[in-house]
Amino acid sequence: MSDQECATKRIPVCPSTWEAVYELRKPGQTFDGVIKDMVVKEKRRRLFEDADRKMREGHFTEFKP
C-alpha cells in the first residue's frame, strides 16, 4: 500500500465501542483489519438483504434454460 492509503486517521468512538471492536480482533490482527472485515461482511449482508427484498417483491423471474 502507498503511504496515502495507509495514512493514519482518528475515529472517535466511545469506550464500549472500542472494547467491542477490540474483542472482535483475532490474535495479531490490527484494528484496520477488523474494520476491513466488518465492511466486507456488511456489504455482503446488504447484498443478500437487497436480493431477498427483490425476490419478495417479485422483481426476479424464474430462469429456464
N, C-alpha and C. Protein backbone atom coordinates (compact mmCIF):
# COMPACT_ATOMS: atom_id res chain seq x y z
N MET A 1 0.83 -1.17 0.00
CA MET A 1 0.00 0.00 0.00
C MET A 1 0.87 1.24 0.00
N SER A 2 0.37 2.29 -0.62
CA SER A 2 1.11 3.53 -0.63
C SER A 2 0.95 4.24 0.71
N ASP A 3 1.80 5.24 0.95
CA ASP A 3 1.71 5.99 2.20
C ASP A 3 0.34 6.65 2.34
N GLN A 4 -0.20 7.12 1.23
CA GLN A 4 -1.51 7.78 1.27
C GLN A 4 -2.61 6.79 1.66
N GLU A 5 -2.53 5.56 1.18
CA GLU A 5 -3.52 4.54 1.52
C GLU A 5 -3.43 4.15 2.98
N CYS A 6 -2.26 4.25 3.57
CA CYS A 6 -2.05 3.85 4.96
C CYS A 6 -2.02 5.04 5.91
N ALA A 7 -2.48 6.19 5.47
CA ALA A 7 -2.46 7.37 6.33
C ALA A 7 -3.25 7.09 7.60
N THR A 8 -2.72 7.55 8.71
CA THR A 8 -3.39 7.35 9.98
C THR A 8 -4.55 8.32 10.10
N LYS A 9 -5.70 7.80 10.47
CA LYS A 9 -6.90 8.60 10.69
C LYS A 9 -7.39 8.31 12.09
N ARG A 10 -7.97 9.27 12.71
CA ARG A 10 -8.55 9.08 14.05
C ARG A 10 -10.06 9.03 13.92
N ILE A 11 -10.65 8.03 14.52
CA ILE A 11 -12.10 7.88 14.52
C ILE A 11 -12.54 7.86 15.97
N PRO A 12 -13.19 8.92 16.44
CA PRO A 12 -13.61 8.92 17.84
C PRO A 12 -14.72 7.90 18.09
N VAL A 13 -14.54 7.08 19.08
CA VAL A 13 -15.56 6.10 19.48
C VAL A 13 -15.64 6.10 21.00
N CYS A 14 -16.78 5.73 21.50
CA CYS A 14 -16.92 5.63 22.95
C CYS A 14 -16.19 4.38 23.44
N PRO A 15 -15.84 4.35 24.71
CA PRO A 15 -15.07 3.21 25.24
C PRO A 15 -15.74 1.85 25.00
N SER A 16 -17.06 1.78 25.08
CA SER A 16 -17.72 0.49 24.88
C SER A 16 -17.59 0.01 23.43
N THR A 17 -17.60 0.95 22.49
CA THR A 17 -17.42 0.58 21.07
C THR A 17 -15.99 0.11 20.85
N TRP A 18 -15.02 0.82 21.42
CA TRP A 18 -13.62 0.42 21.29
C TRP A 18 -13.44 -1.00 21.83
N GLU A 19 -14.03 -1.28 22.98
CA GLU A 19 -13.92 -2.61 23.59
C GLU A 19 -14.55 -3.68 22.71
N ALA A 20 -15.72 -3.37 22.13
CA ALA A 20 -16.40 -4.34 21.26
C ALA A 20 -15.55 -4.67 20.04
N VAL A 21 -14.94 -3.65 19.43
CA VAL A 21 -14.08 -3.89 18.27
C VAL A 21 -12.83 -4.65 18.70
N TYR A 22 -12.27 -4.28 19.83
CA TYR A 22 -11.08 -4.96 20.35
C TYR A 22 -11.35 -6.45 20.54
N GLU A 23 -12.53 -6.78 21.06
CA GLU A 23 -12.88 -8.18 21.30
C GLU A 23 -13.08 -8.97 20.00
N LEU A 24 -13.34 -8.28 18.89
CA LEU A 24 -13.50 -8.96 17.59
C LEU A 24 -12.15 -9.31 16.96
N ARG A 25 -11.07 -8.73 17.45
CA ARG A 25 -9.76 -8.97 16.87
C ARG A 25 -9.34 -10.42 17.01
N LYS A 26 -8.71 -10.91 15.96
CA LYS A 26 -8.05 -12.22 16.01
C LYS A 26 -6.63 -11.96 16.51
N PRO A 27 -5.96 -12.96 17.03
CA PRO A 27 -4.58 -12.75 17.52
C PRO A 27 -3.71 -12.11 16.43
N GLY A 28 -3.08 -11.01 16.76
CA GLY A 28 -2.20 -10.32 15.83
C GLY A 28 -2.89 -9.41 14.84
N GLN A 29 -4.21 -9.39 14.84
CA GLN A 29 -4.95 -8.58 13.86
C GLN A 29 -4.98 -7.12 14.32
N THR A 30 -4.85 -6.22 13.37
CA THR A 30 -4.91 -4.80 13.66
C THR A 30 -6.36 -4.33 13.66
N PHE A 31 -6.58 -3.14 14.22
CA PHE A 31 -7.92 -2.56 14.16
C PHE A 31 -8.32 -2.33 12.70
N ASP A 32 -7.36 -1.95 11.85
CA ASP A 32 -7.63 -1.78 10.43
C ASP A 32 -8.17 -3.08 9.83
N GLY A 33 -7.57 -4.19 10.20
CA GLY A 33 -8.02 -5.49 9.70
C GLY A 33 -9.42 -5.83 10.18
N VAL A 34 -9.71 -5.52 11.45
CA VAL A 34 -11.04 -5.79 11.99
C VAL A 34 -12.08 -4.96 11.24
N ILE A 35 -11.79 -3.68 11.03
CA ILE A 35 -12.74 -2.81 10.35
C ILE A 35 -12.93 -3.25 8.90
N LYS A 36 -11.86 -3.64 8.22
CA LYS A 36 -11.98 -4.14 6.85
C LYS A 36 -12.89 -5.36 6.80
N ASP A 37 -12.70 -6.29 7.75
CA ASP A 37 -13.56 -7.48 7.80
C ASP A 37 -15.02 -7.09 8.03
N MET A 38 -15.23 -6.12 8.91
CA MET A 38 -16.60 -5.67 9.20
C MET A 38 -17.25 -5.07 7.95
N VAL A 39 -16.48 -4.30 7.18
CA VAL A 39 -17.01 -3.68 5.97
C VAL A 39 -17.39 -4.75 4.95
N VAL A 40 -16.52 -5.74 4.76
CA VAL A 40 -16.81 -6.82 3.81
C VAL A 40 -18.09 -7.56 4.22
N LYS A 41 -18.20 -7.88 5.49
CA LYS A 41 -19.39 -8.61 5.97
C LYS A 41 -20.65 -7.78 5.83
N GLU A 42 -20.57 -6.48 6.10
CA GLU A 42 -21.75 -5.62 5.97
C GLU A 42 -22.18 -5.48 4.51
N LYS A 43 -21.21 -5.36 3.61
CA LYS A 43 -21.55 -5.28 2.18
C LYS A 43 -22.24 -6.56 1.73
N ARG A 44 -21.74 -7.71 2.17
CA ARG A 44 -22.34 -8.99 1.81
C ARG A 44 -23.75 -9.09 2.39
N ARG A 45 -23.91 -8.67 3.65
CA ARG A 45 -25.23 -8.71 4.29
C ARG A 45 -26.23 -7.84 3.53
N ARG A 46 -25.80 -6.65 3.12
CA ARG A 46 -26.68 -5.76 2.36
C ARG A 46 -27.05 -6.34 1.00
N LEU A 47 -26.08 -6.99 0.35
CA LEU A 47 -26.35 -7.61 -0.94
C LEU A 47 -27.45 -8.67 -0.80
N PHE A 48 -27.31 -9.55 0.19
CA PHE A 48 -28.31 -10.60 0.40
C PHE A 48 -29.64 -10.01 0.84
N GLU A 49 -29.60 -8.98 1.66
CA GLU A 49 -30.83 -8.33 2.09
C GLU A 49 -31.56 -7.71 0.90
N ASP A 50 -30.82 -7.05 0.01
CA ASP A 50 -31.43 -6.45 -1.18
C ASP A 50 -32.00 -7.51 -2.11
N ALA A 51 -31.24 -8.59 -2.31
CA ALA A 51 -31.72 -9.66 -3.17
C ALA A 51 -32.98 -10.31 -2.59
N ASP A 52 -32.99 -10.53 -1.28
CA ASP A 52 -34.15 -11.12 -0.63
C ASP A 52 -35.37 -10.21 -0.79
N ARG A 53 -35.17 -8.90 -0.59
CA ARG A 53 -36.28 -7.95 -0.75
C ARG A 53 -36.81 -7.97 -2.18
N LYS A 54 -35.91 -8.00 -3.15
CA LYS A 54 -36.33 -8.02 -4.56
C LYS A 54 -37.09 -9.31 -4.88
N MET A 55 -36.68 -10.43 -4.30
CA MET A 55 -37.40 -11.69 -4.52
C MET A 55 -38.80 -11.60 -3.93
N ARG A 56 -38.91 -11.07 -2.72
CA ARG A 56 -40.22 -10.94 -2.07
C ARG A 56 -41.14 -10.01 -2.86
N GLU A 57 -40.56 -8.99 -3.47
CA GLU A 57 -41.35 -8.01 -4.23
C GLU A 57 -41.62 -8.47 -5.66
N GLY A 58 -41.08 -9.63 -6.04
CA GLY A 58 -41.36 -10.19 -7.36
C GLY A 58 -40.54 -9.59 -8.49
N HIS A 59 -39.37 -9.06 -8.18
CA HIS A 59 -38.52 -8.46 -9.21
C HIS A 59 -37.73 -9.49 -10.00
N PHE A 60 -37.67 -10.73 -9.52
CA PHE A 60 -36.93 -11.78 -10.21
C PHE A 60 -37.93 -12.69 -10.90
N THR A 61 -37.52 -13.25 -12.01
CA THR A 61 -38.34 -14.24 -12.69
C THR A 61 -37.55 -15.55 -12.74
N GLU A 62 -38.25 -16.63 -12.88
CA GLU A 62 -37.63 -17.95 -12.93
C GLU A 62 -36.81 -18.07 -14.19
N PHE A 63 -35.60 -18.59 -14.05
CA PHE A 63 -34.72 -18.83 -15.19
C PHE A 63 -34.95 -20.24 -15.69
N LYS A 64 -35.29 -20.36 -16.97
CA LYS A 64 -35.49 -21.68 -17.57
C LYS A 64 -34.56 -21.79 -18.78
N PRO A 65 -33.53 -22.65 -18.65
CA PRO A 65 -32.57 -22.80 -19.77
C PRO A 65 -33.19 -23.46 -20.98
